[in-house]
């Protein structure tokens, strides 16, 4: 039997945490292992409980969600912890900042219960939270509109240098991931098996220090490998 997905809830609103707890604990494949009212508590609870997924509110008093996410992402012992940022608005000025901080994705607080539960499962599986195309589109928009130009964001030079470690095929796969294609779609495009594509993606993640596909998309844009197109 597959172990239940362990979820940590980090939000300064107790009522919202209670609602999330009831929802998550009602599912047979997941359970809440802790709660936190601010970012500092979230980091402490993550280290104590080792959750699979942290639902992290961006705006909290004291240590905010962005800072807490950076701390979790920077801790080697928490490398398997995935952070899903909760935003008041789907398109939030902090979306790209949260992904740069190490979050696996983001979700609006107005999302339907099924969307939230599905997001937890997707993040726990190491995939980008939203569909690849949606994630790519939002990141491209923010980068183009002042979120940091392609090849100009924080760590851009370091990312560009790491790209030299990728094989030609891995770079090709990275471009397609950033273009919003799934593994199956990339496999069809390159005439290889989905398993081969997954292997290339995993190797690119390892070489670039990316936690998941969402991070690969950010790196592809920030390194300048892919240029955002604004309609």
C-alpha atoms as a PDB file:
ATOM      1  CA  UNK A   1       0.000   0.000   0.000  1.00  0.00           C
ATOM      2  CA  UNK A   2       1.340   3.418  -0.967  1.00  0.00           C
ATOM      3  CA  UNK A   3       2.080   5.646   2.058  1.00  0.00           C
ATOM      4  CA  UNK A   4      -0.253   8.616   2.479  1.00  0.00           C
ATOM      5  CA  UNK A   5       0.992  11.985   1.249  1.00  0.00           C
ATOM      6  CA  UNK A   6       2.049  14.043   4.277  1.00  0.00           C
ATOM      7  CA  UNK A   7       0.813  17.639   4.132  1.00  0.00           C
ATOM      8  CA  UNK A   8       1.849  20.658   6.202  1.00  0.00           C
ATOM      9  CA  UNK A   9      -0.498  23.658   6.322  1.00  0.00           C
ATOM     10  CA  UNK A  10       1.061  27.128   6.669  1.00  0.00           C
ATOM     11  CA  UNK A  11      -1.395  30.034   6.838  1.00  0.00           C
ATOM     12  CA  UNK A  12      -1.986  32.761   9.414  1.00  0.00           C
ATOM     13  CA  UNK A  13      -5.766  32.265   9.216  1.00  0.00           C
ATOM     14  CA  UNK A  14      -6.777  29.516  11.644  1.00  0.00           C
ATOM     15  CA  UNK A  15     -10.200  29.117  10.039  1.00  0.00           C
ATOM     16  CA  UNK A  16      -8.646  28.495   6.632  1.00  0.00           C
ATOM     17  CA  UNK A  17      -6.184  25.979   8.073  1.00  0.00           C
ATOM     18  CA  UNK A  18      -9.087  24.138   9.697  1.00  0.00           C
ATOM     19  CA  UNK A  19     -10.959  24.003   6.397  1.00  0.00           C
ATOM     20  CA  UNK A  20      -7.865  22.689   4.605  1.00  0.00           C
ATOM     21  CA  UNK A  21      -7.304  20.090   7.333  1.00  0.00           C
ATOM     22  CA  UNK A  22     -10.841  18.719   7.042  1.00  0.00           C
ATOM     23  CA  UNK A  23     -10.519  18.572   3.263  1.00  0.00           C
ATOM     24  CA  UNK A  24      -7.095  16.896   3.212  1.00  0.00           C
ATOM     25  CA  UNK A  25      -7.839  14.435   6.011  1.00  0.00           C
ATOM     26  CA  UNK A  26     -11.018  13.351   4.205  1.00  0.00           C
ATOM     27  CA  UNK A  27      -8.864  11.818   1.465  1.00  0.00           C
ATOM     28  CA  UNK A  28      -7.591   8.241   1.944  1.00  0.00           C
ATOM     29  CA  UNK A  29      -4.260   8.961   0.235  1.00  0.00           C
ATOM     30  CA  UNK A  30      -3.176  12.009   2.257  1.00  0.00           C
ATOM     31  CA  UNK A  31      -3.056  13.372   5.788  1.00  0.00           C
ATOM     32  CA  UNK A  32      -2.161  16.606   7.576  1.00  0.00           C
ATOM     33  CA  UNK A  33       0.955  16.205   9.726  1.00  0.00           C
ATOM     34  CA  UNK A  34       1.193  19.755  11.057  1.00  0.00           C
ATOM     35  CA  UNK A  35       0.095  23.383  10.964  1.00  0.00           C
ATOM     36  CA  UNK A  36       1.944  26.699  11.095  1.00  0.00           C
ATOM     37  CA  UNK A  37       0.716  30.265  11.549  1.00  0.00           C
ATOM     38  CA  UNK A  38       3.797  31.931  10.034  1.00  0.00           C
ATOM     39  CA  UNK A  39       6.857  31.179   7.951  1.00  0.00           C
ATOM     40  CA  UNK A  40       9.196  30.498  10.860  1.00  0.00           C
ATOM     41  CA  UNK A  41       6.798  27.905  12.273  1.00  0.00           C
ATOM     42  CA  UNK A  42       6.462  26.398   8.803  1.00  0.00           C
ATOM     43  CA  UNK A  43      10.214  25.851   8.492  1.00  0.00           C
ATOM     44  CA  UNK A  44      10.400  24.392  11.994  1.00  0.00           C
ATOM     45  CA  UNK A  45       7.458  22.078  11.307  1.00  0.00           C
ATOM     46  CA  UNK A  46       8.919  21.020   7.959  1.00  0.00           C
ATOM     47  CA  UNK A  47      12.145  19.984   9.672  1.00  0.00           C
ATOM     48  CA  UNK A  48      10.251  18.125  12.386  1.00  0.00           C
ATOM     49  CA  UNK A  49       7.578  16.400  10.303  1.00  0.00           C
ATOM     50  CA  UNK A  50       9.299  16.042   6.881  1.00  0.00           C
ATOM     51  CA  UNK A  51       6.069  16.542   4.912  1.00  0.00           C
ATOM     52  CA  UNK A  52       5.796  15.647   1.248  1.00  0.00           C
ATOM     53  CA  UNK A  53       3.972  18.894   0.468  1.00  0.00           C
ATOM     54  CA  UNK A  54       3.688  22.242   2.235  1.00  0.00           C
ATOM     55  CA  UNK A  55       0.705  24.447   1.406  1.00  0.00           C
ATOM     56  CA  UNK A  56       2.319  27.840   2.015  1.00  0.00           C
ATOM     57  CA  UNK A  57       0.535  31.182   2.166  1.00  0.00           C
ATOM     58  CA  UNK A  58       2.676  33.907   0.610  1.00  0.00           C
ATOM     59  CA  UNK A  59       1.599  36.713   2.922  1.00  0.00           C
ATOM     60  CA  UNK A  60       2.051  35.922   6.606  1.00  0.00           C
ATOM     61  CA  UNK A  61       3.195  38.077   9.547  1.00  0.00           C
ATOM     62  CA  UNK A  62       6.835  37.854  10.606  1.00  0.00           C
ATOM     63  CA  UNK A  63       8.610  35.421   8.321  1.00  0.00           C
ATOM     64  CA  UNK A  64       6.569  35.402   5.124  1.00  0.00           C
ATOM     65  CA  UNK A  65       5.956  32.474   2.803  1.00  0.00           C
ATOM     66  CA  UNK A  66       8.639  33.455   0.305  1.00  0.00           C
ATOM     67  CA  UNK A  67      11.351  33.572   2.952  1.00  0.00           C
ATOM     68  CA  UNK A  68      10.165  30.295   4.462  1.00  0.00           C
ATOM     69  CA  UNK A  69      10.185  28.638   1.037  1.00  0.00           C
ATOM     70  CA  UNK A  70      13.760  29.805   0.402  1.00  0.00           C
ATOM     71  CA  UNK A  71      14.813  28.363   3.764  1.00  0.00           C
ATOM     72  CA  UNK A  72      13.153  25.018   3.051  1.00  0.00           C
ATOM     73  CA  UNK A  73      14.608  24.845  -0.465  1.00  0.00           C
ATOM     74  CA  UNK A  74      18.102  25.667   0.817  1.00  0.00           C
ATOM     75  CA  UNK A  75      18.053  22.866   3.411  1.00  0.00           C
ATOM     76  CA  UNK A  76      19.583  19.675   1.918  1.00  0.00           C
ATOM     77  CA  UNK A  77      17.697  17.582   4.452  1.00  0.00           C
ATOM     78  CA  UNK A  78      14.406  18.905   3.068  1.00  0.00           C
ATOM     79  CA  UNK A  79      15.240  18.235  -0.587  1.00  0.00           C
ATOM     80  CA  UNK A  80      12.174  16.018  -0.995  1.00  0.00           C
ATOM     81  CA  UNK A  81       9.744  18.599   0.427  1.00  0.00           C
ATOM     82  CA  UNK A  82       7.583  20.296  -2.196  1.00  0.00           C
ATOM     83  CA  UNK A  83       6.096  23.727  -1.556  1.00  0.00           C
ATOM     84  CA  UNK A  84       2.838  24.891  -3.131  1.00  0.00           C
ATOM     85  CA  UNK A  85       2.324  28.632  -2.716  1.00  0.00           C
ATOM     86  CA  UNK A  86      -1.192  29.841  -1.972  1.00  0.00           C
ATOM     87  CA  UNK A  87      -2.055  33.221  -3.461  1.00  0.00           C
ATOM     88  CA  UNK A  88      -5.059  35.497  -3.096  1.00  0.00           C
ATOM     89  CA  UNK A  89      -5.096  35.948  -6.855  1.00  0.00           C
ATOM     90  CA  UNK A  90      -4.203  33.366  -9.510  1.00  0.00           C
ATOM     91  CA  UNK A  91      -1.930  35.884 -11.247  1.00  0.00           C
ATOM     92  CA  UNK A  92       0.003  37.363  -8.367  1.00  0.00           C
ATOM     93  CA  UNK A  93       2.999  39.679  -8.408  1.00  0.00           C
ATOM     94  CA  UNK A  94       4.825  37.119  -6.267  1.00  0.00           C
ATOM     95  CA  UNK A  95       4.307  34.133  -8.565  1.00  0.00           C
ATOM     96  CA  UNK A  96       7.743  34.225 -10.172  1.00  0.00           C
ATOM     97  CA  UNK A  97       9.374  35.160  -6.875  1.00  0.00           C
ATOM     98  CA  UNK A  98       7.835  32.068  -5.293  1.00  0.00           C
ATOM     99  CA  UNK A  99       9.106  29.821  -8.076  1.00  0.00           C
ATOM    100  CA  UNK A 100      12.558  31.372  -7.837  1.00  0.00           C
ATOM    101  CA  UNK A 101      12.438  30.735  -4.087  1.00  0.00           C
ATOM    102  CA  UNK A 102      12.018  27.036  -4.813  1.00  0.00           C
ATOM    103  CA  UNK A 103       8.254  26.495  -4.848  1.00  0.00           C
ATOM    104  CA  UNK A 104       6.924  23.740  -7.090  1.00  0.00           C
ATOM    105  CA  UNK A 105       3.979  25.848  -8.148  1.00  0.00           C
ATOM    106  CA  UNK A 106       1.155  28.049  -7.008  1.00  0.00           C
ATOM    107  CA  UNK A 107      -2.595  27.931  -6.521  1.00  0.00           C
ATOM    108  CA  UNK A 108      -5.244  30.581  -5.951  1.00  0.00           C
ATOM    109  CA  UNK A 109      -7.051  30.446  -2.615  1.00  0.00           C
ATOM    110  CA  UNK A 110     -10.288  30.504  -4.557  1.00  0.00           C
ATOM    111  CA  UNK A 111      -9.528  27.143  -6.164  1.00  0.00           C
ATOM    112  CA  UNK A 112     -12.115  24.387  -5.979  1.00  0.00           C
ATOM    113  CA  UNK A 113     -11.526  21.611  -3.405  1.00  0.00           C
ATOM    114  CA  UNK A 114     -10.775  19.062  -6.127  1.00  0.00           C
ATOM    115  CA  UNK A 115      -8.199  21.433  -7.642  1.00  0.00           C
ATOM    116  CA  UNK A 116      -6.427  21.769  -4.293  1.00  0.00           C
ATOM    117  CA  UNK A 117      -6.343  18.017  -3.708  1.00  0.00           C
ATOM    118  CA  UNK A 118      -5.127  17.379  -7.240  1.00  0.00           C
ATOM    119  CA  UNK A 119      -2.435  20.034  -6.785  1.00  0.00           C
ATOM    120  CA  UNK A 120      -1.147  18.247  -3.685  1.00  0.00           C
ATOM    121  CA  UNK A 121      -0.941  14.958  -5.556  1.00  0.00           C
ATOM    122  CA  UNK A 122       0.820  16.531  -8.549  1.00  0.00           C
ATOM    123  CA  UNK A 123       3.355  18.365  -6.383  1.00  0.00           C
ATOM    124  CA  UNK A 124       4.027  15.230  -4.324  1.00  0.00           C
ATOM    125  CA  UNK A 125       4.782  13.433  -7.585  1.00  0.00           C
ATOM    126  CA  UNK A 126       7.438  16.008  -8.477  1.00  0.00           C
ATOM    127  CA  UNK A 127       5.575  17.504 -11.405  1.00  0.00           C
ATOM    128  CA  UNK A 128       4.850  21.179 -12.079  1.00  0.00           C
ATOM    129  CA  UNK A 129       1.714  22.183 -10.196  1.00  0.00           C
ATOM    130  CA  UNK A 130      -0.173  23.685 -13.099  1.00  0.00           C
ATOM    131  CA  UNK A 131      -0.232  22.355 -16.611  1.00  0.00           C
ATOM    132  CA  UNK A 132       3.153  22.925 -18.280  1.00  0.00           C
ATOM    133  CA  UNK A 133       1.609  25.396 -20.731  1.00  0.00           C
ATOM    134  CA  UNK A 134      -0.096  27.424 -17.989  1.00  0.00           C
ATOM    135  CA  UNK A 135       3.040  27.561 -15.865  1.00  0.00           C
ATOM    136  CA  UNK A 136       5.163  28.547 -18.847  1.00  0.00           C
ATOM    137  CA  UNK A 137       2.703  31.234 -19.907  1.00  0.00           C
ATOM    138  CA  UNK A 138       2.548  32.891 -16.502  1.00  0.00           C
ATOM    139  CA  UNK A 139       6.316  32.809 -16.023  1.00  0.00           C
ATOM    140  CA  UNK A 140       6.918  34.215 -19.497  1.00  0.00           C
ATOM    141  CA  UNK A 141       4.457  37.024 -18.848  1.00  0.00           C
ATOM    142  CA  UNK A 142       6.051  38.025 -15.555  1.00  0.00           C
ATOM    143  CA  UNK A 143       9.575  37.843 -16.906  1.00  0.00           C
ATOM    144  CA  UNK A 144       8.584  40.042 -19.832  1.00  0.00           C
ATOM    145  CA  UNK A 145       6.740  42.537 -17.643  1.00  0.00           C
ATOM    146  CA  UNK A 146       9.455  43.359 -15.149  1.00  0.00           C
ATOM    147  CA  UNK A 147       9.827  40.070 -13.316  1.00  0.00           C
ATOM    148  CA  UNK A 148      13.358  39.890 -14.669  1.00  0.00           C
ATOM    149  CA  UNK A 149      14.244  39.714 -18.325  1.00  0.00           C
ATOM    150  CA  UNK A 150      15.418  36.538 -19.931  1.00  0.00           C
ATOM    151  CA  UNK A 151      19.053  36.068 -19.074  1.00  0.00           C
ATOM    152  CA  UNK A 152      18.892  38.889 -16.533  1.00  0.00           C
ATOM    153  CA  UNK A 153      17.249  37.401 -13.455  1.00  0.00           C
ATOM    154  CA  UNK A 154      18.919  36.457 -10.170  1.00  0.00           C
ATOM    155  CA  UNK A 155      21.489  33.720 -10.777  1.00  0.00           C
ATOM    156  CA  UNK A 156      21.170  34.021 -14.557  1.00  0.00           C
ATOM    157  CA  UNK A 157      24.935  33.832 -15.137  1.00  0.00           C
ATOM    158  CA  UNK A 158      25.261  30.779 -12.898  1.00  0.00           C
ATOM    159  CA  UNK A 159      22.384  29.051 -14.685  1.00  0.00           C
ATOM    160  CA  UNK A 160      23.894  29.872 -18.075  1.00  0.00           C
ATOM    161  CA  UNK A 161      27.188  28.327 -16.955  1.00  0.00           C
ATOM    162  CA  UNK A 162      25.424  25.185 -15.736  1.00  0.00           C
ATOM    163  CA  UNK A 163      23.757  24.826 -19.125  1.00  0.00           C
ATOM    164  CA  UNK A 164      27.169  23.988 -20.568  1.00  0.00           C
ATOM    165  CA  UNK A 165      27.026  20.712 -18.631  1.00  0.00           C
ATOM    166  CA  UNK A 166      23.927  19.606 -20.538  1.00  0.00           C
ATOM    167  CA  UNK A 167      24.182  17.407 -23.588  1.00  0.00           C
ATOM    168  CA  UNK A 168      22.700  18.668 -26.848  1.00  0.00           C
ATOM    169  CA  UNK A 169      19.686  16.400 -26.360  1.00  0.00           C
ATOM    170  CA  UNK A 170      19.173  17.548 -22.762  1.00  0.00           C
ATOM    171  CA  UNK A 171      19.188  21.186 -23.884  1.00  0.00           C
ATOM    172  CA  UNK A 172      16.699  20.326 -26.601  1.00  0.00           C
ATOM    173  CA  UNK A 173      14.426  18.626 -24.082  1.00  0.00           C
ATOM    174  CA  UNK A 174      14.768  21.586 -21.702  1.00  0.00           C
ATOM    175  CA  UNK A 175      13.604  23.987 -24.413  1.00  0.00           C
ATOM    176  CA  UNK A 176      10.566  21.797 -25.080  1.00  0.00           C
ATOM    177  CA  UNK A 177       9.755  21.551 -21.358  1.00  0.00           C
ATOM    178  CA  UNK A 178       9.854  25.349 -21.182  1.00  0.00           C
ATOM    179  CA  UNK A 179       7.618  25.406 -24.239  1.00  0.00           C
ATOM    180  CA  UNK A 180       4.890  23.714 -22.250  1.00  0.00           C
ATOM    181  CA  UNK A 181       5.145  20.201 -23.687  1.00  0.00           C
ATOM    182  CA  UNK A 182       4.503  17.088 -21.613  1.00  0.00           C
ATOM    183  CA  UNK A 183       6.859  14.104 -21.679  1.00  0.00           C
ATOM    184  CA  UNK A 184       4.558  12.290 -24.112  1.00  0.00           C
ATOM    185  CA  UNK A 185       4.444  15.296 -26.435  1.00  0.00           C
ATOM    186  CA  UNK A 186       8.230  15.696 -26.303  1.00  0.00           C
ATOM    187  CA  UNK A 187       8.644  11.980 -27.028  1.00  0.00           C
ATOM    188  CA  UNK A 188       6.433  12.302 -30.096  1.00  0.00           C
ATOM    189  CA  UNK A 189       8.311  15.398 -31.252  1.00  0.00           C
ATOM    190  CA  UNK A 190      11.742  13.773 -30.882  1.00  0.00           C
ATOM    191  CA  UNK A 191      10.609  10.276 -31.932  1.00  0.00           C
ATOM    192  CA  UNK A 192      11.821   8.629 -28.733  1.00  0.00           C
ATOM    193  CA  UNK A 193      10.074   6.893 -25.840  1.00  0.00           C
ATOM    194  CA  UNK A 194       8.479   8.831 -22.950  1.00  0.00           C
ATOM    195  CA  UNK A 195      10.850   6.958 -20.610  1.00  0.00           C
ATOM    196  CA  UNK A 196      13.828   8.315 -22.550  1.00  0.00           C
ATOM    197  CA  UNK A 197      12.426  11.826 -22.252  1.00  0.00           C
ATOM    198  CA  UNK A 198      11.914  11.354 -18.516  1.00  0.00           C
ATOM    199  CA  UNK A 199      15.544  10.275 -18.198  1.00  0.00           C
ATOM    200  CA  UNK A 200      16.733  13.398 -20.035  1.00  0.00           C
ATOM    201  CA  UNK A 201      14.497  15.613 -17.866  1.00  0.00           C
ATOM    202  CA  UNK A 202      15.780  14.016 -14.662  1.00  0.00           C
ATOM    203  CA  UNK A 203      19.402  14.424 -15.749  1.00  0.00           C
ATOM    204  CA  UNK A 204      18.816  18.062 -16.667  1.00  0.00           C
ATOM    205  CA  UNK A 205      17.199  18.635 -13.270  1.00  0.00           C
ATOM    206  CA  UNK A 206      20.170  17.075 -11.499  1.00  0.00           C
ATOM    207  CA  UNK A 207      22.764  19.064 -13.458  1.00  0.00           C
ATOM    208  CA  UNK A 208      20.887  22.361 -13.030  1.00  0.00           C
ATOM    209  CA  UNK A 209      19.933  21.834  -9.390  1.00  0.00           C
ATOM    210  CA  UNK A 210      16.209  22.019 -10.200  1.00  0.00           C
ATOM    211  CA  UNK A 211      13.740  20.471  -7.804  1.00  0.00           C
ATOM    212  CA  UNK A 212      11.040  19.849 -10.419  1.00  0.00           C
ATOM    213  CA  UNK A 213       9.742  20.829 -13.857  1.00  0.00           C
ATOM    214  CA  UNK A 214       8.526  24.222 -12.656  1.00  0.00           C
ATOM    215  CA  UNK A 215      12.102  25.071 -11.687  1.00  0.00           C
ATOM    216  CA  UNK A 216      13.341  23.881 -15.075  1.00  0.00           C
ATOM    217  CA  UNK A 217      10.997  26.339 -16.773  1.00  0.00           C
ATOM    218  CA  UNK A 218      12.295  29.218 -14.650  1.00  0.00           C
ATOM    219  CA  UNK A 219      15.922  28.272 -15.347  1.00  0.00           C
ATOM    220  CA  UNK A 220      15.268  28.010 -19.082  1.00  0.00           C
ATOM    221  CA  UNK A 221      13.960  31.581 -19.132  1.00  0.00           C
ATOM    222  CA  UNK A 222      16.339  33.145 -16.615  1.00  0.00           C
ATOM    223  CA  UNK A 223      19.410  31.679 -18.304  1.00  0.00           C
ATOM    224  CA  UNK A 224      18.300  33.160 -21.616  1.00  0.00           C
ATOM    225  CA  UNK A 225      18.051  29.729 -23.258  1.00  0.00           C
ATOM    226  CA  UNK A 226      14.405  30.503 -24.003  1.00  0.00           C
ATOM    227  CA  UNK A 227      13.064  33.982 -24.697  1.00  0.00           C
ATOM    228  CA  UNK A 228       9.570  34.917 -23.576  1.00  0.00           C
ATOM    229  CA  UNK A 229       7.089  35.902 -26.218  1.00  0.00           C
ATOM    230  CA  UNK A 230       4.422  38.427 -25.269  1.00  0.00           C
ATOM    231  CA  UNK A 231       1.289  38.431 -27.353  1.00  0.00           C
END
